[in-house]
Amino acid sequence: MSPQSRNRQRQTIPGWVSEGTLIHDPLKRRTGVVQFIGEFEDPKTRVVIQNAVFARPEGGGVEWVVEDPSSLERG
């Protein structure tokens, strides 16, 4: 059985963003701490994003995947 090819995207992440950085996501109007930067497969589109940014509200809460890391602002 051959593996299925999946669409891949690579997002541009500002150089100041790393795990543990406080960020503001203007598209979702949320502020949080970067938890992880890595591969993510969107369950709806099956597109693989090679350097997705995962963030969680400071102090805890529901994690989200940043849609456009290039739009991030310092939190």
N, C-alpha and C. Protein backbone atom coordinates (compact mmCIF):
# COMPACT_ATOMS: atom_id res chain seq x y z
N MET A 1 0.84 -1.18 0.00
CA MET A 1 0.00 0.00 0.00
C MET A 1 0.88 1.23 0.00
N SER A 2 0.69 2.11 -0.94
CA SER A 2 1.54 3.30 -1.01
C SER A 2 0.96 4.42 -0.15
N PRO A 3 1.83 5.22 0.48
CA PRO A 3 1.33 6.32 1.31
C PRO A 3 0.68 7.40 0.45
N GLN A 4 -0.38 7.99 0.99
CA GLN A 4 -1.05 9.06 0.27
C GLN A 4 -0.22 10.31 0.36
N SER A 5 -0.16 11.06 -0.75
CA SER A 5 0.54 12.34 -0.69
C SER A 5 -0.42 13.37 -0.12
N ARG A 6 0.11 14.22 0.74
CA ARG A 6 -0.71 15.25 1.37
C ARG A 6 -0.15 16.61 1.00
N ASN A 7 -1.04 17.58 0.86
CA ASN A 7 -0.60 18.94 0.61
C ASN A 7 0.15 19.44 1.83
N ARG A 8 1.25 20.14 1.61
CA ARG A 8 2.04 20.68 2.71
C ARG A 8 2.18 22.18 2.55
N GLN A 9 2.13 22.87 3.68
CA GLN A 9 2.33 24.31 3.69
C GLN A 9 3.40 24.63 4.71
N ARG A 10 4.15 25.66 4.45
CA ARG A 10 5.14 26.14 5.40
C ARG A 10 4.80 27.59 5.69
N GLN A 11 4.58 27.91 6.95
CA GLN A 11 4.21 29.26 7.33
C GLN A 11 5.44 30.04 7.79
N THR A 12 5.40 31.35 7.61
CA THR A 12 6.47 32.22 8.06
C THR A 12 6.19 32.65 9.50
N ILE A 13 7.15 32.39 10.36
CA ILE A 13 7.01 32.73 11.77
C ILE A 13 8.02 33.83 12.08
N PRO A 14 7.58 34.93 12.71
CA PRO A 14 8.53 35.98 13.08
C PRO A 14 9.67 35.42 13.94
N GLY A 15 10.87 35.96 13.78
CA GLY A 15 12.04 35.46 14.48
C GLY A 15 11.96 35.56 16.00
N TRP A 16 11.14 36.46 16.51
CA TRP A 16 11.04 36.63 17.97
C TRP A 16 10.10 35.62 18.63
N VAL A 17 9.40 34.83 17.82
CA VAL A 17 8.44 33.85 18.37
C VAL A 17 9.15 32.52 18.63
N SER A 18 9.01 32.02 19.84
CA SER A 18 9.54 30.70 20.21
C SER A 18 8.65 30.14 21.32
N GLU A 19 8.87 28.89 21.68
CA GLU A 19 8.08 28.28 22.75
C GLU A 19 8.27 29.08 24.03
N GLY A 20 7.16 29.39 24.70
CA GLY A 20 7.20 30.17 25.93
C GLY A 20 6.99 31.66 25.73
N THR A 21 6.93 32.12 24.47
CA THR A 21 6.74 33.54 24.17
C THR A 21 5.27 33.93 24.35
N LEU A 22 5.04 35.08 24.98
CA LEU A 22 3.69 35.63 25.10
C LEU A 22 3.35 36.33 23.79
N ILE A 23 2.25 35.93 23.16
CA ILE A 23 1.87 36.48 21.85
C ILE A 23 0.42 36.98 21.88
N HIS A 24 0.10 37.85 20.92
CA HIS A 24 -1.28 38.26 20.70
C HIS A 24 -1.62 37.86 19.27
N ASP A 25 -2.70 37.11 19.11
CA ASP A 25 -3.18 36.65 17.80
C ASP A 25 -4.31 37.58 17.39
N PRO A 26 -4.04 38.57 16.52
CA PRO A 26 -5.07 39.55 16.16
C PRO A 26 -6.24 38.95 15.37
N LEU A 27 -6.01 37.86 14.65
CA LEU A 27 -7.09 37.26 13.88
C LEU A 27 -8.13 36.60 14.78
N LYS A 28 -7.68 36.03 15.89
CA LYS A 28 -8.61 35.40 16.84
C LYS A 28 -8.88 36.28 18.05
N ARG A 29 -8.21 37.44 18.09
CA ARG A 29 -8.35 38.38 19.20
C ARG A 29 -8.09 37.69 20.54
N ARG A 30 -6.98 36.93 20.58
CA ARG A 30 -6.62 36.19 21.79
C ARG A 30 -5.15 36.43 22.11
N THR A 31 -4.84 36.38 23.38
CA THR A 31 -3.46 36.48 23.85
C THR A 31 -3.12 35.18 24.57
N GLY A 32 -1.91 34.68 24.34
CA GLY A 32 -1.52 33.44 24.98
C GLY A 32 -0.03 33.20 24.90
N VAL A 33 0.36 32.05 25.37
CA VAL A 33 1.76 31.64 25.40
C VAL A 33 1.96 30.54 24.36
N VAL A 34 3.03 30.66 23.56
CA VAL A 34 3.34 29.63 22.56
C VAL A 34 3.72 28.36 23.30
N GLN A 35 3.02 27.27 22.99
CA GLN A 35 3.26 25.98 23.63
C GLN A 35 4.17 25.10 22.79
N PHE A 36 4.03 25.20 21.45
CA PHE A 36 4.72 24.28 20.56
C PHE A 36 4.74 24.87 19.17
N ILE A 37 5.82 24.64 18.45
CA ILE A 37 5.90 24.99 17.03
C ILE A 37 6.31 23.71 16.32
N GLY A 38 5.46 23.24 15.43
CA GLY A 38 5.77 21.99 14.74
C GLY A 38 4.70 21.61 13.74
N GLU A 39 4.75 20.36 13.29
CA GLU A 39 3.84 19.89 12.25
C GLU A 39 2.42 19.70 12.78
N PHE A 40 1.46 20.09 11.98
CA PHE A 40 0.04 19.97 12.32
C PHE A 40 -0.73 19.61 11.05
N GLU A 41 -1.58 18.60 11.15
CA GLU A 41 -2.45 18.25 10.03
C GLU A 41 -3.86 18.73 10.34
N ASP A 42 -4.36 19.65 9.54
CA ASP A 42 -5.71 20.19 9.73
C ASP A 42 -6.70 19.05 9.50
N PRO A 43 -7.51 18.71 10.51
CA PRO A 43 -8.44 17.59 10.35
C PRO A 43 -9.53 17.85 9.31
N LYS A 44 -9.83 19.12 9.02
CA LYS A 44 -10.87 19.43 8.04
C LYS A 44 -10.36 19.32 6.61
N THR A 45 -9.18 19.89 6.35
CA THR A 45 -8.67 19.96 4.98
C THR A 45 -7.62 18.90 4.68
N ARG A 46 -7.07 18.28 5.73
CA ARG A 46 -5.99 17.29 5.63
C ARG A 46 -4.69 17.92 5.13
N VAL A 47 -4.60 19.24 5.12
CA VAL A 47 -3.37 19.93 4.75
C VAL A 47 -2.41 19.87 5.94
N VAL A 48 -1.15 19.56 5.68
CA VAL A 48 -0.14 19.49 6.71
C VAL A 48 0.61 20.82 6.74
N ILE A 49 0.65 21.43 7.91
CA ILE A 49 1.39 22.68 8.10
C ILE A 49 2.66 22.31 8.84
N GLN A 50 3.82 22.58 8.24
CA GLN A 50 5.08 22.11 8.78
C GLN A 50 5.54 22.86 10.03
N ASN A 51 5.20 24.11 10.17
CA ASN A 51 5.65 24.86 11.35
C ASN A 51 4.49 25.67 11.94
N ALA A 52 3.47 24.95 12.35
CA ALA A 52 2.30 25.57 12.96
C ALA A 52 2.64 26.04 14.37
N VAL A 53 1.97 27.11 14.81
CA VAL A 53 2.17 27.66 16.15
C VAL A 53 0.95 27.31 17.00
N PHE A 54 1.19 26.61 18.09
CA PHE A 54 0.14 26.25 19.04
C PHE A 54 0.26 27.18 20.24
N ALA A 55 -0.84 27.79 20.67
CA ALA A 55 -0.81 28.72 21.80
C ALA A 55 -1.93 28.37 22.78
N ARG A 56 -1.72 28.78 24.03
CA ARG A 56 -2.70 28.55 25.09
C ARG A 56 -2.77 29.81 25.94
N PRO A 57 -3.96 30.19 26.40
CA PRO A 57 -4.07 31.37 27.26
C PRO A 57 -3.12 31.26 28.46
N GLU A 58 -2.54 32.38 28.84
CA GLU A 58 -1.65 32.40 30.00
C GLU A 58 -2.43 31.95 31.23
N GLY A 59 -1.89 31.03 31.96
CA GLY A 59 -2.57 30.51 33.15
C GLY A 59 -3.42 29.29 32.87
N GLY A 60 -3.54 28.89 31.59
CA GLY A 60 -4.31 27.70 31.24
C GLY A 60 -5.53 28.02 30.41
N GLY A 61 -6.10 27.00 29.83
CA GLY A 61 -7.27 27.17 28.99
C GLY A 61 -7.16 26.32 27.74
N VAL A 62 -8.00 26.59 26.78
CA VAL A 62 -8.07 25.80 25.55
C VAL A 62 -7.02 26.29 24.55
N GLU A 63 -6.21 25.35 24.09
CA GLU A 63 -5.16 25.65 23.12
C GLU A 63 -5.78 25.91 21.75
N TRP A 64 -5.09 26.72 20.94
CA TRP A 64 -5.52 26.95 19.56
C TRP A 64 -4.31 26.97 18.65
N VAL A 65 -4.55 26.77 17.36
CA VAL A 65 -3.50 26.84 16.35
C VAL A 65 -3.63 28.20 15.67
N VAL A 66 -2.55 28.95 15.63
CA VAL A 66 -2.53 30.27 15.02
C VAL A 66 -2.69 30.11 13.52
N GLU A 67 -3.67 30.82 12.93
CA GLU A 67 -3.94 30.70 11.50
C GLU A 67 -2.86 31.35 10.65
N ASP A 68 -2.36 32.51 11.07
CA ASP A 68 -1.35 33.24 10.29
C ASP A 68 -0.27 33.76 11.23
N PRO A 69 0.79 32.97 11.47
CA PRO A 69 1.83 33.40 12.41
C PRO A 69 2.50 34.71 12.02
N SER A 70 2.51 35.06 10.74
CA SER A 70 3.15 36.31 10.34
C SER A 70 2.42 37.54 10.87
N SER A 71 1.16 37.36 11.31
CA SER A 71 0.37 38.48 11.83
C SER A 71 0.52 38.64 13.34
N LEU A 72 1.26 37.74 13.99
CA LEU A 72 1.37 37.78 15.45
C LEU A 72 1.99 39.08 15.95
N GLU A 73 1.54 39.48 17.12
CA GLU A 73 2.08 40.66 17.78
C GLU A 73 2.64 40.21 19.12
N ARG A 74 3.55 40.99 19.67
CA ARG A 74 4.08 40.68 20.99
C ARG A 74 2.95 40.86 22.01
N GLY A 75 2.83 39.90 22.93
CA GLY A 75 1.75 39.92 23.91
C GLY A 75 2.09 40.80 25.05
